[in-house]
PDB file of N, CA and C in Angstrom:
ATOM      1  N   MET A   1     182.371 -53.314  74.132  1.00  0.00           N
ATOM      2  CA  MET A   1     183.410 -52.868  72.979  1.00  0.00           C
ATOM      3  C   MET A   1     183.336 -54.684  72.391  1.00  0.00           C
ATOM      4  N   ASN A   2     183.036 -54.315  70.753  1.00  0.00           N
ATOM      5  CA  ASN A   2     184.056 -55.818  70.270  1.00  0.00           C
ATOM      6  C   ASN A   2     184.868 -55.527  69.445  1.00  0.00           C
ATOM      7  N   TYR A   3     185.808 -56.295  69.474  1.00  0.00           N
ATOM      8  CA  TYR A   3     187.391 -55.597  69.218  1.00  0.00           C
ATOM      9  C   TYR A   3     187.547 -56.720  67.907  1.00  0.00           C
ATOM     10  N   LYS A   4     186.617 -58.129  67.566  1.00  0.00           N
ATOM     11  CA  LYS A   4     187.015 -58.649  66.784  1.00  0.00           C
ATOM     12  C   LYS A   4     186.385 -58.486  65.457  1.00  0.00           C
ATOM     13  N   GLY A   5     187.256 -59.065  64.330  1.00  0.00           N
ATOM     14  CA  GLY A   5     186.450 -58.652  63.046  1.00  0.00           C
ATOM     15  C   GLY A   5     187.541 -58.125  62.141  1.00  0.00           C
ATOM     16  N   THR A   6     187.079 -56.702  61.531  1.00  0.00           N
ATOM     17  CA  THR A   6     188.473 -55.912  60.657  1.00  0.00           C
ATOM     18  C   THR A   6     189.604 -56.063  61.146  1.00  0.00           C
ATOM     19  N   HIS A   7     189.343 -54.795  62.469  1.00  0.00           N
ATOM     20  CA  HIS A   7     190.379 -54.687  63.246  1.00  0.00           C
ATOM     21  C   HIS A   7     191.227 -55.468  63.455  1.00  0.00           C
ATOM     22  N   ASN A   8     191.025 -56.326  63.727  1.00  0.00           N
ATOM     23  CA  ASN A   8     192.235 -57.084  64.358  1.00  0.00           C
ATOM     24  C   ASN A   8     192.733 -58.105  63.899  1.00  0.00           C
ATOM     25  N   GLU A   9     192.021 -58.117  61.844  1.00  0.00           N
ATOM     26  CA  GLU A   9     192.545 -58.921  61.198  1.00  0.00           C
ATOM     27  C   GLU A   9     193.945 -57.646  60.458  1.00  0.00           C
ATOM     28  N   ALA A  10     193.058 -56.923  60.379  1.00  0.00           N
ATOM     29  CA  ALA A  10     194.052 -55.624  59.797  1.00  0.00           C
ATOM     30  C   ALA A  10     195.628 -55.532  60.579  1.00  0.00           C
ATOM     31  N   ARG A  11     195.284 -55.740  61.939  1.00  0.00           N
ATOM     32  CA  ARG A  11     196.610 -55.586  62.637  1.00  0.00           C
ATOM     33  C   ARG A  11     197.205 -56.814  62.793  1.00  0.00           C
ATOM     34  N   ASN A  12     196.606 -57.876  62.770  1.00  0.00           N
ATOM     35  CA  ASN A  12     197.364 -59.158  62.282  1.00  0.00           C
ATOM     36  C   ASN A  12     197.836 -59.688  61.367  1.00  0.00           C
ATOM     37  N   GLU A  13     197.625 -59.215  60.097  1.00  0.00           N
ATOM     38  CA  GLU A  13     197.858 -59.209  58.718  1.00  0.00           C
ATOM     39  C   GLU A  13     199.985 -58.963  59.135  1.00  0.00           C
ATOM     40  N   SER A  14     200.612 -59.544  58.226  1.00  0.00           N
ATOM     41  CA  SER A  14     201.634 -59.723  58.488  1.00  0.00           C
ATOM     42  C   SER A  14     202.068 -58.290  56.943  1.00  0.00           C
ATOM     43  N   PRO A  15     203.083 -57.862  57.372  1.00  0.00           N
ATOM     44  CA  PRO A  15     203.159 -56.724  56.509  1.00  0.00           C
ATOM     45  C   PRO A  15     203.513 -56.982  54.849  1.00  0.00           C
ATOM     46  N   THR A  16     203.973 -58.431  54.514  1.00  0.00           N
ATOM     47  CA  THR A  16     203.757 -58.729  53.646  1.00  0.00           C
ATOM     48  C   THR A  16     202.758 -59.264  52.437  1.00  0.00           C
ATOM     49  N   ALA A  17     202.049 -59.836  52.962  1.00  0.00           N
ATOM     50  CA  ALA A  17     200.769 -60.250  52.697  1.00  0.00           C
ATOM     51  C   ALA A  17     199.689 -59.368  51.936  1.00  0.00           C
ATOM     52  N   ALA A  18     200.294 -57.756  52.395  1.00  0.00           N
ATOM     53  CA  ALA A  18     199.647 -56.829  51.463  1.00  0.00           C
ATOM     54  C   ALA A  18     199.561 -56.301  50.002  1.00  0.00           C
ATOM     55  N   HIS A  19     201.193 -57.160  49.973  1.00  0.00           N
ATOM     56  CA  HIS A  19     202.267 -57.167  48.443  1.00  0.00           C
ATOM     57  C   HIS A  19     201.631 -58.681  47.618  1.00  0.00           C
ATOM     58  N   ASP A  20     201.646 -58.220  46.645  1.00  0.00           N
ATOM     59  CA  ASP A  20     202.125 -59.392  45.976  1.00  0.00           C
ATOM     60  C   ASP A  20     203.150 -59.727  45.075  1.00  0.00           C
ATOM     61  N   GLU A  21     204.009 -58.840  45.536  1.00  0.00           N
ATOM     62  CA  GLU A  21     205.371 -59.389  44.877  1.00  0.00           C
ATOM     63  C   GLU A  21     205.811 -60.030  46.303  1.00  0.00           C
ATOM     64  N   GLU A  22     206.448 -61.356  45.908  1.00  0.00           N
ATOM     65  CA  GLU A  22     207.698 -61.591  47.138  1.00  0.00           C
ATOM     66  C   GLU A  22     209.282 -60.975  47.087  1.00  0.00           C
ATOM     67  N   PHE A  23     209.583 -60.908  48.355  1.00  0.00           N
ATOM     68  CA  PHE A  23     210.733 -60.680  48.435  1.00  0.00           C
ATOM     69  C   PHE A  23     212.133 -61.137  47.685  1.00  0.00           C
ATOM     70  N   GLU A  24     212.512 -60.016  46.801  1.00  0.00           N
ATOM     71  CA  GLU A  24     213.809 -61.040  46.046  1.00  0.00           C
ATOM     72  C   GLU A  24     215.281 -60.497  46.917  1.00  0.00           C
ATOM     73  N   PRO A  25     215.696 -61.844  47.430  1.00  0.00           N
ATOM     74  CA  PRO A  25     216.801 -61.713  48.006  1.00  0.00           C
ATOM     75  C   PRO A  25     218.037 -60.907  47.183  1.00  0.00           C
ATOM     76  N   LEU A  26     218.916 -60.360  48.460  1.00  0.00           N
ATOM     77  CA  LEU A  26     219.632 -59.434  47.277  1.00  0.00           C
ATOM     78  C   LEU A  26     221.326 -60.103  47.171  1.00  0.00           C
ATOM     79  N   MET A  27     222.012 -59.672  46.415  1.00  0.00           N
ATOM     80  CA  MET A  27     223.539 -60.357  46.130  1.00  0.00           C
ATOM     81  C   MET A  27     224.760 -59.674  46.306  1.00  0.00           C
ATOM     82  N   ASP A  28     225.471 -59.629  46.989  1.00  0.00           N
ATOM     83  CA  ASP A  28     226.793 -58.612  47.483  1.00  0.00           C
ATOM     84  C   ASP A  28     227.256 -58.857  45.890  1.00  0.00           C
ATOM     85  N   SER A  29     228.557 -57.898  45.834  1.00  0.00           N
ATOM     86  CA  SER A  29     229.060 -57.410  44.372  1.00  0.00           C
ATOM     87  C   SER A  29     229.634 -59.070  44.227  1.00  0.00           C
ATOM     88  N   GLU A  30     230.046 -59.596  45.152  1.00  0.00           N
ATOM     89  CA  GLU A  30     231.112 -61.129  44.692  1.00  0.00           C
ATOM     90  C   GLU A  30     230.095 -62.033  43.933  1.00  0.00           C
ATOM     91  N   GLU A  31     228.997 -62.015  44.261  1.00  0.00           N
ATOM     92  CA  GLU A  31     228.044 -63.226  43.545  1.00  0.00           C
ATOM     93  C   GLU A  31     227.358 -62.673  42.563  1.00  0.00           C
ATOM     94  N   ALA A  32     226.910 -61.671  42.586  1.00  0.00           N
ATOM     95  CA  ALA A  32     226.226 -60.525  41.162  1.00  0.00           C
ATOM     96  C   ALA A  32     227.243 -60.423  40.118  1.00  0.00           C
ATOM     97  N   ALA A  33     228.570 -60.577  41.030  1.00  0.00           N
ATOM     98  CA  ALA A  33     229.659 -60.299  39.683  1.00  0.00           C
ATOM     99  C   ALA A  33     229.831 -61.720  39.619  1.00  0.00           C
ATOM    100  N   ALA A  34     229.851 -62.837  40.447  1.00  0.00           N
ATOM    101  CA  ALA A  34     230.534 -64.534  39.848  1.00  0.00           C
ATOM    102  C   ALA A  34     229.197 -64.456  38.912  1.00  0.00           C
ATOM    103  N   LEU A  35     227.843 -64.211  38.615  1.00  0.00           N
ATOM    104  CA  LEU A  35     227.219 -64.241  37.617  1.00  0.00           C
ATOM    105  C   LEU A  35     227.063 -63.967  36.177  1.00  0.00           C
ATOM    106  N   LEU A  36     227.712 -62.599  36.764  1.00  0.00           N
ATOM    107  CA  LEU A  36     228.273 -61.617  35.094  1.00  0.00           C
ATOM    108  C   LEU A  36     229.146 -62.206  34.951  1.00  0.00           C
ATOM    109  N   ARG A  37     230.043 -62.915  35.073  1.00  0.00           N
ATOM    110  CA  ARG A  37     231.378 -63.442  34.684  1.00  0.00           C
ATOM    111  C   ARG A  37     232.411 -62.450  34.950  1.00  0.00           C
ATOM    112  N   ILE A  38     232.305 -61.296  36.097  1.00  0.00           N
ATOM    113  CA  ILE A  38     233.051 -59.885  35.776  1.00  0.00           C
ATOM    114  C   ILE A  38     233.847 -59.511  37.407  1.00  0.00           C
ATOM    115  N   HIS A  39     235.148 -58.835  37.359  1.00  0.00           N
ATOM    116  CA  HIS A  39     235.132 -58.470  38.481  1.00  0.00           C
ATOM    117  C   HIS A  39     234.364 -57.451  39.245  1.00  0.00           C
ATOM    118  N   PRO A  40     234.396 -58.224  40.281  1.00  0.00           N
ATOM    119  CA  PRO A  40     233.556 -57.281  41.824  1.00  0.00           C
ATOM    120  C   PRO A  40     233.557 -56.032  41.267  1.00  0.00           C
ATOM    121  N   LYS A  41     235.086 -54.968  41.450  1.00  0.00           N
ATOM    122  CA  LYS A  41     235.124 -53.685  41.331  1.00  0.00           C
ATOM    123  C   LYS A  41     234.221 -52.865  39.912  1.00  0.00           C
ATOM    124  N   THR A  42     234.717 -53.526  38.825  1.00  0.00           N
ATOM    125  CA  THR A  42     233.977 -53.551  37.519  1.00  0.00           C
ATOM    126  C   THR A  42     232.365 -53.788  37.923  1.00  0.00           C
ATOM    127  N   LEU A  43     231.971 -54.236  38.647  1.00  0.00           N
ATOM    128  CA  LEU A  43     230.480 -54.544  38.801  1.00  0.00           C
ATOM    129  C   LEU A  43     229.811 -52.993  40.021  1.00  0.00           C
ATOM    130  N   GLN A  44     230.565 -53.217  40.817  1.00  0.00           N
ATOM    131  CA  GLN A  44     230.840 -51.599  41.445  1.00  0.00           C
ATOM    132  C   GLN A  44     230.770 -50.135  40.552  1.00  0.00           C
ATOM    133  N   ARG A  45     231.650 -50.687  39.551  1.00  0.00           N
ATOM    134  CA  ARG A  45     231.833 -49.056  39.188  1.00  0.00           C
ATOM    135  C   ARG A  45     230.833 -49.324  38.378  1.00  0.00           C
ATOM    136  N   LEU A  46     230.093 -50.255  37.258  1.00  0.00           N
ATOM    137  CA  LEU A  46     228.613 -49.917  36.778  1.00  0.00           C
ATOM    138  C   LEU A  46     227.890 -49.285  37.762  1.00  0.00           C
ATOM    139  N   ALA A  47     227.514 -49.539  38.869  1.00  0.00           N
ATOM    140  CA  ALA A  47     226.437 -49.648  39.398  1.00  0.00           C
ATOM    141  C   ALA A  47     226.491 -48.542  40.094  1.00  0.00           C
ATOM    142  N   ARG A  48     227.841 -47.754  40.592  1.00  0.00           N
ATOM    143  CA  ARG A  48     228.007 -46.197  40.558  1.00  0.00           C
ATOM    144  C   ARG A  48     227.944 -45.477  39.654  1.00  0.00           C
ATOM    145  N   SER A  49     228.206 -45.528  38.179  1.00  0.00           N
ATOM    146  CA  SER A  49     227.896 -44.873  36.774  1.00  0.00           C
ATOM    147  C   SER A  49     226.419 -44.920  36.952  1.00  0.00           C
ATOM    148  N   GLY A  50     225.697 -45.630  37.039  1.00  0.00           N
ATOM    149  CA  GLY A  50     223.943 -45.859  37.104  1.00  0.00           C
ATOM    150  C   GLY A  50     224.074 -46.860  36.234  1.00  0.00           C
ATOM    151  N   THR A  51     224.476 -47.855  35.461  1.00  0.00           N
ATOM    152  CA  THR A  51     224.892 -48.687  34.084  1.00  0.00           C
ATOM    153  C   THR A  51     223.989 -49.643  34.929  1.00  0.00           C
ATOM    154  N   ILE A  52     224.535 -50.429  35.798  1.00  0.00           N
ATOM    155  CA  ILE A  52     223.587 -51.383  36.333  1.00  0.00           C
ATOM    156  C   ILE A  52     223.201 -50.869  37.929  1.00  0.00           C
ATOM    157  N   THR A  53     222.030 -51.659  37.774  1.00  0.00           N
ATOM    158  CA  THR A  53     220.982 -51.359  38.916  1.00  0.00           C
ATOM    159  C   THR A  53     221.651 -51.953  40.367  1.00  0.00           C
ATOM    160  N   GLY A  54     221.954 -51.084  41.140  1.00  0.00           N
ATOM    161  CA  GLY A  54     222.639 -51.362  42.816  1.00  0.00           C
ATOM    162  C   GLY A  54     221.724 -50.776  43.530  1.00  0.00           C
ATOM    163  N   ILE A  55     221.930 -51.358  44.711  1.00  0.00           N
ATOM    164  CA  ILE A  55     221.576 -50.397  46.260  1.00  0.00           C
ATOM    165  C   ILE A  55     222.638 -50.173  46.847  1.00  0.00           C
ATOM    166  N   GLN A  56     223.287 -49.428  47.169  1.00  0.00           N
ATOM    167  CA  GLN A  56     224.435 -49.055  48.232  1.00  0.00           C
ATOM    168  C   GLN A  56     223.927 -49.138  49.685  1.00  0.00           C
ATOM    169  N   ILE A  57     224.404 -49.927  50.317  1.00  0.00           N
ATOM    170  CA  ILE A  57     223.690 -50.079  51.675  1.00  0.00           C
ATOM    171  C   ILE A  57     225.206 -49.269  52.681  1.00  0.00           C
ATOM    172  N   GLY A  58     225.547 -48.701  52.488  1.00  0.00           N
ATOM    173  CA  GLY A  58     226.615 -47.906  53.441  1.00  0.00           C
ATOM    174  C   GLY A  58     228.113 -48.072  52.703  1.00  0.00           C
ATOM    175  N   LYS A  59     229.010 -49.275  52.644  1.00  0.00           N
ATOM    176  CA  LYS A  59     230.019 -48.797  51.911  1.00  0.00           C
ATOM    177  C   LYS A  59     229.769 -49.937  50.928  1.00  0.00           C
ATOM    178  N   LEU A  60     228.410 -51.460  51.337  1.00  0.00           N
ATOM    179  CA  LEU A  60     228.716 -52.400  50.292  1.00  0.00           C
ATOM    180  C   LEU A  60     227.249 -52.087  49.292  1.00  0.00           C
ATOM    181  N   TRP A  61     227.954 -52.831  48.112  1.00  0.00           N
ATOM    182  CA  TRP A  61     227.103 -52.551  47.173  1.00  0.00           C
ATOM    183  C   TRP A  61     225.823 -54.300  47.192  1.00  0.00           C
ATOM    184  N   ARG A  62     224.873 -54.191  47.015  1.00  0.00           N
ATOM    185  CA  ARG A  62     223.977 -55.500  46.990  1.00  0.00           C
ATOM    186  C   ARG A  62     222.853 -55.177  45.217  1.00  0.00           C
ATOM    187  N   PHE A  63     222.747 -56.520  45.010  1.00  0.00           N
ATOM    188  CA  PHE A  63     222.013 -56.510  43.656  1.00  0.00           C
ATOM    189  C   PHE A  63     221.548 -57.375  43.766  1.00  0.00           C
ATOM    190  N   ARG A  64     219.909 -57.344  42.516  1.00  0.00           N
ATOM    191  CA  ARG A  64     219.039 -58.406  42.523  1.00  0.00           C
ATOM    192  C   ARG A  64     219.163 -58.498  41.145  1.00  0.00           C
ATOM    193  N   ALA A  65     219.088 -60.629  41.231  1.00  0.00           N
ATOM    194  CA  ALA A  65     219.224 -60.802  39.935  1.00  0.00           C
ATOM    195  C   ALA A  65     218.647 -60.325  38.769  1.00  0.00           C
ATOM    196  N   SER A  66     217.433 -60.121  38.900  1.00  0.00           N
ATOM    197  CA  SER A  66     215.998 -59.972  38.032  1.00  0.00           C
ATOM    198  C   SER A  66     216.612 -58.207  37.698  1.00  0.00           C
ATOM    199  N   ALA A  67     217.251 -57.432  38.211  1.00  0.00           N
ATOM    200  CA  ALA A  67     217.783 -56.289  37.547  1.00  0.00           C
ATOM    201  C   ALA A  67     219.012 -56.688  36.904  1.00  0.00           C
ATOM    202  N   LEU A  68     219.857 -57.421  37.602  1.00  0.00           N
ATOM    203  CA  LEU A  68     221.375 -58.410  36.476  1.00  0.00           C
ATOM    204  C   LEU A  68     221.003 -58.515  35.414  1.00  0.00           C
ATOM    205  N   ASN A  69     219.974 -59.375  35.229  1.00  0.00           N
ATOM    206  CA  ASN A  69     219.133 -60.178  34.206  1.00  0.00           C
ATOM    207  C   ASN A  69     218.515 -59.284  32.965  1.00  0.00           C
ATOM    208  N   ARG A  70     217.990 -58.172  33.477  1.00  0.00           N
ATOM    209  CA  ARG A  70     217.204 -56.749  32.605  1.00  0.00           C
ATOM    210  C   ARG A  70     218.321 -56.397  32.088  1.00  0.00           C
ATOM    211  N   TRP A  71     220.235 -55.825  32.387  1.00  0.00           N
ATOM    212  CA  TRP A  71     220.935 -55.311  31.898  1.00  0.00           C
ATOM    213  C   TRP A  71     221.088 -56.311  30.807  1.00  0.00           C
ATOM    214  N   VAL A  72     221.650 -57.652  31.307  1.00  0.00           N
ATOM    215  CA  VAL A  72     221.955 -58.299  29.869  1.00  0.00           C
ATOM    216  C   VAL A  72     220.963 -58.144  28.493  1.00  0.00           C
ATOM    217  N   GLU A  73     220.093 -58.410  29.026  1.00  0.00           N
ATOM    218  CA  GLU A  73     218.791 -58.591  28.294  1.00  0.00           C
ATOM    219  C   GLU A  73     219.014 -57.612  26.871  1.00  0.00           C
ATOM    220  N   LYS A  74     219.055 -56.058  28.178  1.00  0.00           N
ATOM    221  CA  LYS A  74     219.447 -55.003  26.944  1.00  0.00           C
ATOM    222  C   LYS A  74     220.634 -54.776  26.330  1.00  0.00           C
ATOM    223  N   LYS A  75     221.895 -55.551  27.093  1.00  0.00           N
ATOM    224  CA  LYS A  75     223.139 -55.321  26.186  1.00  0.00           C
ATOM    225  C   LYS A  75     222.932 -56.173  24.960  1.00  0.00           C
ATOM    226  N   ALA A  76     222.271 -57.389  25.298  1.00  0.00           N
ATOM    227  CA  ALA A  76     221.885 -58.594  24.287  1.00  0.00           C
ATOM    228  C   ALA A  76     221.245 -58.287  22.804  1.00  0.00           C
ATOM    229  N   SER A  77     220.222 -57.236  23.258  1.00  0.00           N
ATOM    230  CA  SER A  77     219.654 -56.685  22.113  1.00  0.00           C
ATOM    231  C   SER A  77     220.047 -55.626  21.338  1.00  0.00           C
TER     232      SER A  77
END
């Protein structure tokens, strides 16, 4: 049997190679709040209410800069 070709290529392909998007690093509450110049607890409250998009991992909140930027753009218009 010949195992060379597409079967091995698919197995060796990295998980991110299949996606066109690059991974966007996540910021913690303090980093994200500093960008917005608000208190981290205010940011967490906005995330809990769904006003700002955040990701809760256990007790900690993480934020994408692009989500924060979309929120600021929406508020500015």
